[in-house]
Structure formats: C-alpha cells, structure tokens
Amino acid sequence: MATQMIILNGGSSSGKSGIVRCLQDVLPDPWLAFGCDSFIDAMPAKMQASDEGIQIAADGGVSVGADFRALEAAWTEGIAAMVRGGAKVIIDDVFLGGAASQQRWQKALDGLAVLWVGVRCESAVAAGREIARGDRVQGMAALQADVVHDGVFYDLEVDTTHTESLACARIIAAHVG
C-alpha cells in the first residue's frame, strides 16, 4: 500500500516545519500539512493557559489537561478521516508523552499506510534555533530534544543538527512508497 501519511516527530526547534515545507515541494503528489502548532492555534485562547487546556511553564515545560486531550483526540480522528477520504497528509508533531503519544496516533490511523519519521537535533543547536526564532519559551527545545523520542519507533530518522531541511526531505521522500 502506498504511503498515505507521514508523521514527523521531534522536539521544538528541531527543524520539522522546514522539512514539511520541503517535502511538499519535492513529493510529486500534493500533500496537506498539519502540525501540533496549528492544532494549538485553533484552540480557544482561554485554553492556551489553563489547567484543562495547555500550559507552558517559564522553563519551557508543557502540561496538558483533559479538555486538551479531548480536542486532540477529535483532531487526530479528523486528520485520519481526511486521509481515509483520499488526502495525503504530513504531520509535524511533538510526542511529549513519547510512546503514549505515538499510540494515540496509531489508534486513529489503524489500517492506513504511515511513514513514521524521527527528527533529531542536538539539544544545543535546537536551543540556538529557539533563541533565533523568538517565538518559543527558552528551555523548551532542550527539555524536549530527547524525551519526545522515548519508546517511539520509527521507519526512518533524520538529524537536522548538520543537515539542511531540503536534504532531510529528500531522504524522507525516497522512502515514500
């Protein structure tokens, strides 16, 4: 079965968004792109700093509540429905729960052909990108660099520490069946 979905998992500022844009350019078919940032941006503002929604601590730590999880489950099922409807989709995610985060996707994507991609980046490099971006709480990249990969299995891994987004995208595209 041809790949219907690509899920990129990596910590904040690891380079996932750049890879997604390049993948959309190098893949021959049109692919839609969604990410955890677009999901969070779609939530009501009042949930972006609440116990039931999502909270980002001063050190970059992230915690989520029950309302966040309920909306996340609906969002995941919605993405799966688009793929089942014929769209090819690339997801840019941060598996804060490691294996448990991947399992939530697996449940929604049962029966679909998914390419699981780990996006790694040395913590110090990601932290430097985080500062340059200016739109993240400093410390988030360092906290997430390794924990997002705990217990997660991949079909393929790329490392953006010294490799540009386009080169990573070409490596991934070569594995899309």
N, C-alpha and C. Protein backbone atom coordinates (compact mmCIF):
# COMPACT_ATOMS: atom_id res chain seq x y z
N MET A 1 0.85 -1.18 0.00
CA MET A 1 0.00 0.00 0.00
C MET A 1 0.89 1.24 0.00
N ALA A 2 0.58 2.19 -0.85
CA ALA A 2 1.36 3.43 -0.94
C ALA A 2 1.19 4.27 0.33
N THR A 3 2.24 4.95 0.69
CA THR A 3 2.22 5.81 1.87
C THR A 3 1.12 6.85 1.75
N GLN A 4 0.29 6.92 2.77
CA GLN A 4 -0.82 7.88 2.80
C GLN A 4 -0.56 9.02 3.76
N MET A 5 0.38 8.80 4.67
CA MET A 5 0.61 9.78 5.71
C MET A 5 2.06 9.70 6.18
N ILE A 6 2.63 10.86 6.47
CA ILE A 6 3.97 10.95 7.02
C ILE A 6 3.84 11.69 8.35
N ILE A 7 4.36 11.08 9.41
CA ILE A 7 4.34 11.75 10.71
C ILE A 7 5.78 12.01 11.12
N LEU A 8 6.09 13.31 11.29
CA LEU A 8 7.40 13.72 11.77
C LEU A 8 7.28 14.02 13.25
N ASN A 9 8.13 13.42 14.06
CA ASN A 9 8.15 13.69 15.49
C ASN A 9 9.54 14.17 15.88
N GLY A 10 9.55 15.28 16.60
CA GLY A 10 10.81 15.81 17.12
C GLY A 10 10.51 16.93 18.08
N GLY A 11 11.51 17.31 18.84
CA GLY A 11 11.35 18.38 19.80
C GLY A 11 11.17 19.74 19.14
N SER A 12 10.82 20.70 19.95
CA SER A 12 10.67 22.08 19.48
C SER A 12 11.98 22.55 18.85
N SER A 13 11.88 23.25 17.74
CA SER A 13 13.02 23.84 17.03
C SER A 13 13.99 22.81 16.46
N SER A 14 13.50 21.57 16.26
CA SER A 14 14.37 20.54 15.68
C SER A 14 14.42 20.60 14.16
N GLY A 15 13.53 21.37 13.55
CA GLY A 15 13.56 21.53 12.09
C GLY A 15 12.42 20.87 11.35
N LYS A 16 11.41 20.42 12.07
CA LYS A 16 10.30 19.71 11.43
C LYS A 16 9.55 20.57 10.42
N SER A 17 9.23 21.79 10.78
CA SER A 17 8.43 22.65 9.89
C SER A 17 9.14 22.91 8.57
N GLY A 18 10.44 23.13 8.63
CA GLY A 18 11.21 23.33 7.40
C GLY A 18 11.20 22.09 6.53
N ILE A 19 11.33 20.93 7.16
CA ILE A 19 11.28 19.67 6.41
C ILE A 19 9.91 19.49 5.76
N VAL A 20 8.84 19.81 6.49
CA VAL A 20 7.49 19.67 5.94
C VAL A 20 7.34 20.52 4.67
N ARG A 21 7.77 21.77 4.73
CA ARG A 21 7.66 22.65 3.54
C ARG A 21 8.45 22.08 2.37
N CYS A 22 9.63 21.56 2.64
CA CYS A 22 10.44 20.97 1.58
C CYS A 22 9.81 19.68 1.04
N LEU A 23 9.24 18.87 1.93
CA LEU A 23 8.55 17.66 1.48
C LEU A 23 7.43 18.01 0.52
N GLN A 24 6.66 19.03 0.86
CA GLN A 24 5.56 19.43 -0.03
C GLN A 24 6.08 19.83 -1.40
N ASP A 25 7.30 20.33 -1.44
CA ASP A 25 7.89 20.74 -2.71
C ASP A 25 8.46 19.56 -3.49
N VAL A 26 9.09 18.60 -2.81
CA VAL A 26 9.77 17.53 -3.54
C VAL A 26 8.89 16.31 -3.83
N LEU A 27 7.83 16.11 -3.06
CA LEU A 27 6.95 14.98 -3.34
C LEU A 27 6.12 15.26 -4.60
N PRO A 28 5.94 14.26 -5.45
CA PRO A 28 5.25 14.51 -6.71
C PRO A 28 3.76 14.82 -6.56
N ASP A 29 3.10 14.24 -5.58
CA ASP A 29 1.67 14.48 -5.38
C ASP A 29 1.47 15.60 -4.37
N PRO A 30 0.29 16.23 -4.36
CA PRO A 30 0.02 17.24 -3.34
C PRO A 30 -0.21 16.60 -1.98
N TRP A 31 0.44 17.13 -0.96
CA TRP A 31 0.31 16.66 0.41
C TRP A 31 -0.12 17.84 1.28
N LEU A 32 -1.13 17.62 2.10
CA LEU A 32 -1.54 18.62 3.08
C LEU A 32 -0.62 18.53 4.29
N ALA A 33 -0.40 19.65 4.97
CA ALA A 33 0.47 19.65 6.15
C ALA A 33 -0.28 20.24 7.35
N PHE A 34 -0.19 19.53 8.45
CA PHE A 34 -0.78 19.98 9.71
C PHE A 34 0.22 19.69 10.82
N GLY A 35 0.12 20.46 11.88
CA GLY A 35 1.03 20.22 12.99
C GLY A 35 0.41 20.56 14.32
N CYS A 36 1.15 20.19 15.35
CA CYS A 36 0.65 20.47 16.70
C CYS A 36 0.50 21.97 16.91
N ASP A 37 1.33 22.79 16.27
CA ASP A 37 1.18 24.24 16.41
C ASP A 37 -0.14 24.72 15.80
N SER A 38 -0.50 24.16 14.64
CA SER A 38 -1.77 24.58 14.02
C SER A 38 -2.95 24.12 14.87
N PHE A 39 -2.82 22.95 15.50
CA PHE A 39 -3.87 22.48 16.40
C PHE A 39 -4.01 23.42 17.60
N ILE A 40 -2.90 23.77 18.22
CA ILE A 40 -2.93 24.66 19.39
C ILE A 40 -3.47 26.04 18.99
N ASP A 41 -3.06 26.54 17.83
CA ASP A 41 -3.55 27.84 17.36
C ASP A 41 -5.06 27.82 17.12
N ALA A 42 -5.62 26.66 16.80
CA ALA A 42 -7.05 26.55 16.54
C ALA A 42 -7.88 26.49 17.82
N MET A 43 -7.23 26.23 18.94
CA MET A 43 -7.95 26.15 20.22
C MET A 43 -8.35 27.55 20.68
N PRO A 44 -9.42 27.63 21.48
CA PRO A 44 -9.79 28.92 22.06
C PRO A 44 -8.63 29.47 22.89
N ALA A 45 -8.42 30.76 22.84
CA ALA A 45 -7.32 31.39 23.58
C ALA A 45 -7.35 31.05 25.06
N LYS A 46 -8.56 30.95 25.62
CA LYS A 46 -8.67 30.68 27.06
C LYS A 46 -8.11 29.30 27.44
N MET A 47 -7.98 28.40 26.47
CA MET A 47 -7.41 27.08 26.75
C MET A 47 -5.90 27.07 26.67
N GLN A 48 -5.31 28.16 26.18
CA GLN A 48 -3.87 28.17 25.97
C GLN A 48 -3.10 28.58 27.23
N ALA A 49 -3.78 28.69 28.34
CA ALA A 49 -3.11 28.97 29.61
C ALA A 49 -4.00 28.50 30.76
N SER A 50 -4.54 27.29 30.61
CA SER A 50 -5.45 26.78 31.65
C SER A 50 -5.08 25.35 32.02
N ASP A 51 -5.49 24.95 33.23
CA ASP A 51 -5.22 23.59 33.69
C ASP A 51 -5.85 22.55 32.79
N GLU A 52 -7.01 22.84 32.23
CA GLU A 52 -7.71 21.89 31.38
C GLU A 52 -7.22 21.93 29.93
N GLY A 53 -6.54 23.00 29.56
CA GLY A 53 -6.01 23.15 28.20
C GLY A 53 -4.53 22.82 28.16
N ILE A 54 -3.74 23.81 27.81
CA ILE A 54 -2.28 23.63 27.72
C ILE A 54 -1.61 24.76 28.47
N GLN A 55 -0.56 24.42 29.18
CA GLN A 55 0.22 25.42 29.90
C GLN A 55 1.69 25.23 29.56
N ILE A 56 2.35 26.35 29.33
CA ILE A 56 3.79 26.32 29.09
C ILE A 56 4.44 27.07 30.23
N ALA A 57 5.27 26.36 30.99
CA ALA A 57 5.93 26.93 32.16
C ALA A 57 7.08 27.85 31.75
N ALA A 58 7.55 28.63 32.68
CA ALA A 58 8.64 29.58 32.41
C ALA A 58 9.92 28.88 31.94
N ASP A 59 10.10 27.61 32.35
CA ASP A 59 11.30 26.86 31.93
C ASP A 59 11.10 26.12 30.61
N GLY A 60 9.90 26.27 29.99
CA GLY A 60 9.61 25.60 28.73
C GLY A 60 8.89 24.28 28.88
N GLY A 61 8.63 23.85 30.09
CA GLY A 61 7.88 22.62 30.31
C GLY A 61 6.43 22.79 29.85
N VAL A 62 5.86 21.73 29.32
CA VAL A 62 4.49 21.79 28.80
C VAL A 62 3.64 20.77 29.55
N SER A 63 2.44 21.21 29.97
CA SER A 63 1.48 20.29 30.57
C SER A 63 0.13 20.51 29.90
N VAL A 64 -0.61 19.41 29.78
CA VAL A 64 -1.92 19.48 29.13
C VAL A 64 -2.97 18.84 30.03
N GLY A 65 -4.21 19.33 29.86
CA GLY A 65 -5.32 18.84 30.68
C GLY A 65 -6.32 18.04 29.87
N ALA A 66 -7.43 17.72 30.54
CA ALA A 66 -8.45 16.85 29.96
C ALA A 66 -9.12 17.45 28.73
N ASP A 67 -9.42 18.74 28.75
CA ASP A 67 -10.06 19.36 27.59
C ASP A 67 -9.12 19.33 26.37
N PHE A 68 -7.84 19.56 26.61
CA PHE A 68 -6.86 19.48 25.53
C PHE A 68 -6.87 18.08 24.93
N ARG A 69 -6.82 17.05 25.79
CA ARG A 69 -6.78 15.67 25.31
C ARG A 69 -8.03 15.32 24.51
N ALA A 70 -9.19 15.81 24.96
CA ALA A 70 -10.44 15.52 24.24
C ALA A 70 -10.41 16.16 22.85
N LEU A 71 -9.98 17.41 22.76
CA LEU A 71 -9.89 18.07 21.46
C LEU A 71 -8.82 17.43 20.59
N GLU A 72 -7.72 17.04 21.20
CA GLU A 72 -6.63 16.39 20.45
C GLU A 72 -7.13 15.08 19.83
N ALA A 73 -7.91 14.32 20.58
CA ALA A 73 -8.45 13.06 20.06
C ALA A 73 -9.37 13.32 18.87
N ALA A 74 -10.20 14.35 18.97
CA ALA A 74 -11.09 14.69 17.86
C ALA A 74 -10.29 15.16 16.65
N TRP A 75 -9.25 15.96 16.88
CA TRP A 75 -8.40 16.46 15.80
C TRP A 75 -7.70 15.29 15.09
N THR A 76 -7.17 14.37 15.89
CA THR A 76 -6.48 13.20 15.33
C THR A 76 -7.43 12.38 14.47
N GLU A 77 -8.64 12.15 14.97
CA GLU A 77 -9.64 11.41 14.19
C GLU A 77 -10.01 12.16 12.91
N GLY A 78 -10.05 13.49 12.99
CA GLY A 78 -10.35 14.30 11.81
C GLY A 78 -9.27 14.19 10.75
N ILE A 79 -8.02 14.21 11.18
CA ILE A 79 -6.90 14.04 10.25
C ILE A 79 -7.00 12.66 9.59
N ALA A 80 -7.27 11.64 10.41
CA ALA A 80 -7.41 10.28 9.88
C ALA A 80 -8.54 10.20 8.86
N ALA A 81 -9.65 10.89 9.13
CA ALA A 81 -10.77 10.90 8.19
C ALA A 81 -10.37 11.54 6.85
N MET A 82 -9.58 12.60 6.89
CA MET A 82 -9.11 13.22 5.64
C MET A 82 -8.27 12.24 4.85
N VAL A 83 -7.39 11.50 5.54
CA VAL A 83 -6.55 10.53 4.86
C VAL A 83 -7.41 9.41 4.28
N ARG A 84 -8.37 8.94 5.04
CA ARG A 84 -9.27 7.90 4.54
C ARG A 84 -10.11 8.42 3.36
N GLY A 85 -10.32 9.73 3.32
CA GLY A 85 -11.06 10.35 2.23
C GLY A 85 -10.23 10.58 0.98
N GLY A 86 -8.94 10.27 1.05
CA GLY A 86 -8.08 10.36 -0.14
C GLY A 86 -6.98 11.39 -0.08
N ALA A 87 -6.94 12.23 0.95
CA ALA A 87 -5.88 13.23 1.06
C ALA A 87 -4.61 12.57 1.59
N LYS A 88 -3.48 13.03 1.10
CA LYS A 88 -2.20 12.62 1.66
C LYS A 88 -1.80 13.73 2.63
N VAL A 89 -1.34 13.33 3.82
CA VAL A 89 -1.12 14.29 4.89
C VAL A 89 0.25 14.09 5.55
N ILE A 90 0.90 15.21 5.82
CA ILE A 90 2.14 15.23 6.60
C ILE A 90 1.82 15.89 7.93
N ILE A 91 2.22 15.24 9.01
CA ILE A 91 2.00 15.77 10.36
C ILE A 91 3.35 16.13 10.98
N ASP A 92 3.39 17.29 11.60
CA ASP A 92 4.54 17.79 12.34
C ASP A 92 4.11 17.78 13.80
N ASP A 93 4.66 16.87 14.60
CA ASP A 93 4.19 16.72 15.98
C ASP A 93 5.36 16.67 16.96
N VAL A 94 5.01 16.84 18.22
CA VAL A 94 5.95 16.76 19.33
C VAL A 94 5.36 15.75 20.31
N PHE A 95 5.91 14.56 20.35
CA PHE A 95 5.37 13.49 21.20
C PHE A 95 5.84 13.68 22.64
N LEU A 96 5.23 14.63 23.34
CA LEU A 96 5.62 14.90 24.72
C LEU A 96 5.47 13.68 25.60
N GLY A 97 4.54 12.80 25.25
CA GLY A 97 4.33 11.58 26.02
C GLY A 97 5.10 10.40 25.46
N GLY A 98 6.04 10.63 24.54
CA GLY A 98 6.81 9.54 23.96
C GLY A 98 5.92 8.50 23.31
N ALA A 99 6.10 7.25 23.73
CA ALA A 99 5.36 6.13 23.13
C ALA A 99 3.85 6.30 23.26
N ALA A 100 3.37 6.86 24.36
CA ALA A 100 1.92 7.04 24.54
C ALA A 100 1.36 7.98 23.47
N SER A 101 2.12 9.00 23.10
CA SER A 101 1.68 9.92 22.05
C SER A 101 1.59 9.20 20.72
N GLN A 102 2.57 8.36 20.42
CA GLN A 102 2.54 7.61 19.18
C GLN A 102 1.36 6.64 19.17
N GLN A 103 1.07 6.03 20.30
CA GLN A 103 -0.04 5.08 20.38
C GLN A 103 -1.38 5.76 20.11
N ARG A 104 -1.54 7.01 20.54
CA ARG A 104 -2.79 7.73 20.24
C ARG A 104 -2.96 7.88 18.73
N TRP A 105 -1.88 8.21 18.01
CA TRP A 105 -1.95 8.30 16.55
C TRP A 105 -2.22 6.94 15.94
N GLN A 106 -1.52 5.91 16.41
CA GLN A 106 -1.70 4.57 15.85
C GLN A 106 -3.15 4.11 15.94
N LYS A 107 -3.79 4.40 17.04
CA LYS A 107 -5.20 4.01 17.23
C LYS A 107 -6.07 4.68 16.16
N ALA A 108 -5.88 5.96 15.93
CA ALA A 108 -6.68 6.69 14.95
C ALA A 108 -6.36 6.28 13.52
N LEU A 109 -5.13 5.86 13.28
CA LEU A 109 -4.66 5.59 11.91
C LEU A 109 -4.66 4.12 11.55
N ASP A 110 -5.31 3.30 12.34
CA ASP A 110 -5.35 1.87 12.10
C ASP A 110 -5.74 1.57 10.65
N GLY A 111 -4.92 0.76 9.99
CA GLY A 111 -5.20 0.36 8.61
C GLY A 111 -4.64 1.29 7.55
N LEU A 112 -4.08 2.42 7.95
CA LEU A 112 -3.51 3.37 6.99
C LEU A 112 -2.00 3.15 6.86
N ALA A 113 -1.46 3.48 5.70
CA ALA A 113 -0.02 3.35 5.46
C ALA A 113 0.69 4.62 5.92
N VAL A 114 1.40 4.51 7.04
CA VAL A 114 2.05 5.67 7.67
C VAL A 114 3.56 5.48 7.65
N LEU A 115 4.28 6.53 7.30
CA LEU A 115 5.74 6.56 7.41
C LEU A 115 6.06 7.37 8.66
N TRP A 116 6.65 6.71 9.66
CA TRP A 116 6.99 7.35 10.94
C TRP A 116 8.42 7.84 10.85
N VAL A 117 8.62 9.15 11.06
CA VAL A 117 9.94 9.75 10.92
C VAL A 117 10.34 10.47 12.20
N GLY A 118 11.49 10.10 12.73
CA GLY A 118 12.05 10.81 13.88
C GLY A 118 12.94 11.93 13.39
N VAL A 119 12.73 13.12 13.92
CA VAL A 119 13.56 14.27 13.56
C VAL A 119 14.39 14.62 14.80
N ARG A 120 15.67 14.37 14.70
CA ARG A 120 16.57 14.63 15.83
C ARG A 120 17.41 15.87 15.55
N CYS A 121 17.83 16.49 16.63
CA CYS A 121 18.71 17.65 16.55
C CYS A 121 19.41 17.77 17.90
N GLU A 122 20.71 18.00 17.87
CA GLU A 122 21.43 18.17 19.13
C GLU A 122 20.78 19.29 19.93
N SER A 123 20.67 19.06 21.21
CA SER A 123 19.99 19.99 22.11
C SER A 123 20.53 21.41 22.01
N ALA A 124 21.83 21.57 21.96
CA ALA A 124 22.42 22.91 21.91
C ALA A 124 22.07 23.64 20.61
N VAL A 125 22.03 22.91 19.52
CA VAL A 125 21.67 23.50 18.22
C VAL A 125 20.19 23.91 18.23
N ALA A 126 19.33 23.02 18.73
CA ALA A 126 17.90 23.35 18.81
C ALA A 126 17.67 24.56 19.72
N ALA A 127 18.42 24.64 20.82
CA ALA A 127 18.29 25.78 21.73
C ALA A 127 18.69 27.07 21.03
N GLY A 128 19.72 27.03 20.21
CA GLY A 128 20.13 28.20 19.45
C GLY A 128 19.07 28.63 18.46
N ARG A 129 18.45 27.67 17.80
CA ARG A 129 17.35 27.98 16.87
C ARG A 129 16.17 28.58 17.63
N GLU A 130 15.92 28.06 18.81
CA GLU A 130 14.82 28.55 19.65
C GLU A 130 15.01 30.04 19.96
N ILE A 131 16.21 30.41 20.30
CA ILE A 131 16.51 31.82 20.59
C ILE A 131 16.33 32.66 19.32
N ALA A 132 16.84 32.16 18.20
CA ALA A 132 16.73 32.89 16.93
C ALA A 132 15.29 33.08 16.50
N ARG A 133 14.45 32.08 16.77
CA ARG A 133 13.03 32.16 16.39
C ARG A 133 12.32 33.27 17.15
N GLY A 134 12.57 33.30 18.44
CA GLY A 134 11.96 34.32 19.27
C GLY A 134 10.50 34.09 19.60
N ASP A 135 9.93 32.96 19.18
CA ASP A 135 8.51 32.72 19.44
C ASP A 135 8.28 31.52 20.36
N ARG A 136 9.32 31.08 21.04
CA ARG A 136 9.22 29.95 21.96
C ARG A 136 9.80 30.35 23.30
N VAL A 137 9.30 29.72 24.36
CA VAL A 137 9.87 29.91 25.69
C VAL A 137 11.24 29.23 25.70
N GLN A 138 12.26 29.98 26.11
CA GLN A 138 13.59 29.40 26.13
C GLN A 138 13.64 28.25 27.13
N GLY A 139 14.22 27.16 26.70
CA GLY A 139 14.32 25.96 27.50
C GLY A 139 13.48 24.83 26.95
N MET A 140 12.47 25.17 26.14
CA MET A 140 11.57 24.17 25.58
C MET A 140 12.33 23.18 24.70
N ALA A 141 13.20 23.68 23.84
CA ALA A 141 13.94 22.81 22.92
C ALA A 141 14.81 21.82 23.68
N ALA A 142 15.51 22.29 24.69
CA ALA A 142 16.39 21.41 25.46
C ALA A 142 15.58 20.36 26.22
N LEU A 143 14.45 20.76 26.79
CA LEU A 143 13.62 19.82 27.54
C LEU A 143 13.03 18.74 26.65
N GLN A 144 12.72 19.08 25.40
CA GLN A 144 12.04 18.15 24.51
C GLN A 144 12.96 17.32 23.62
N ALA A 145 14.20 17.73 23.46
CA ALA A 145 15.09 17.12 22.46
C ALA A 145 15.14 15.60 22.52
N ASP A 146 15.18 15.03 23.71
CA ASP A 146 15.29 13.58 23.83
C ASP A 146 14.00 12.91 24.27
N VAL A 147 13.25 13.56 25.17
CA VAL A 147 12.07 12.92 25.77
C VAL A 147 11.01 12.56 24.72
N VAL A 148 10.91 13.33 23.65
CA VAL A 148 9.88 13.06 22.63
C VAL A 148 10.15 11.75 21.87
N HIS A 149 11.36 11.24 21.97
CA HIS A 149 11.72 10.01 21.25
C HIS A 149 11.65 8.77 22.15
N ASP A 150 11.42 8.95 23.46
CA ASP A 150 11.41 7.83 24.40
C ASP A 150 10.35 6.79 24.04
N GLY A 151 10.79 5.58 23.70
CA GLY A 151 9.88 4.49 23.41
C GLY A 151 9.17 4.57 22.08
N VAL A 152 9.52 5.53 21.24
CA VAL A 152 8.88 5.72 19.94
C VAL A 152 9.67 4.93 18.89
N PHE A 153 8.95 4.24 18.00
CA PHE A 153 9.63 3.54 16.93
C PHE A 153 9.44 4.32 15.63
N TYR A 154 10.44 4.24 14.76
CA TYR A 154 10.42 4.97 13.50
C TYR A 154 10.75 4.04 12.34
N ASP A 155 10.25 4.40 11.17
CA ASP A 155 10.67 3.76 9.95
C ASP A 155 11.98 4.36 9.46
N LEU A 156 12.20 5.61 9.88
CA LEU A 156 13.32 6.40 9.38
C LEU A 156 13.62 7.51 10.36
N GLU A 157 14.89 7.87 10.51
CA GLU A 157 15.26 9.02 11.33
C GLU A 157 16.17 9.93 10.51
N VAL A 158 16.01 11.23 10.74
CA VAL A 158 16.90 12.22 10.16
C VAL A 158 17.43 13.09 11.29
N ASP A 159 18.59 13.69 11.08
CA ASP A 159 19.18 14.56 12.09
C ASP A 159 19.48 15.90 11.44
N THR A 160 18.85 16.94 11.95
CA THR A 160 18.98 18.27 11.36
C THR A 160 20.12 19.08 11.97
N THR A 161 20.88 18.47 12.86
CA THR A 161 21.98 19.19 13.51
C THR A 161 22.90 19.81 12.46
N HIS A 162 23.27 19.02 11.47
CA HIS A 162 24.19 19.50 10.43
C HIS A 162 23.65 19.26 9.02
N THR A 163 22.38 18.88 8.91
CA THR A 163 21.78 18.58 7.61
C THR A 163 20.62 19.52 7.36
N GLU A 164 20.59 20.15 6.21
CA GLU A 164 19.55 21.11 5.85
C GLU A 164 18.21 20.42 5.63
N SER A 165 17.14 21.19 5.76
CA SER A 165 15.78 20.68 5.62
C SER A 165 15.55 20.00 4.27
N LEU A 166 16.04 20.58 3.20
CA LEU A 166 15.83 20.01 1.87
C LEU A 166 16.48 18.64 1.75
N ALA A 167 17.69 18.49 2.27
CA ALA A 167 18.37 17.19 2.22
C ALA A 167 17.59 16.15 3.04
N CYS A 168 17.10 16.56 4.20
CA CYS A 168 16.28 15.65 5.02
C CYS A 168 15.01 15.26 4.28
N ALA A 169 14.37 16.25 3.65
CA ALA A 169 13.14 15.98 2.91
C ALA A 169 13.38 14.99 1.77
N ARG A 170 14.50 15.11 1.09
CA ARG A 170 14.82 14.18 0.01
C ARG A 170 15.04 12.77 0.53
N ILE A 171 15.67 12.64 1.69
CA ILE A 171 15.86 11.33 2.31
C ILE A 171 14.50 10.71 2.62
N ILE A 172 13.60 11.50 3.21
CA ILE A 172 12.27 11.01 3.56
C ILE A 172 11.49 10.66 2.30
N ALA A 173 11.52 11.54 1.30
CA ALA A 173 10.77 11.32 0.06
C ALA A 173 11.20 10.01 -0.61
N ALA A 174 12.46 9.64 -0.49
CA ALA A 174 12.95 8.40 -1.08
C ALA A 174 12.33 7.17 -0.43
N HIS A 175 11.76 7.34 0.77
CA HIS A 175 11.13 6.23 1.49
C HIS A 175 9.60 6.22 1.37
N VAL A 176 9.07 7.18 0.64
CA VAL A 176 7.62 7.24 0.46
C VAL A 176 7.25 6.30 -0.68
N GLY A 177 6.45 5.30 -0.35
CA GLY A 177 6.10 4.30 -1.36
C GLY A 177 4.80 4.60 -2.03
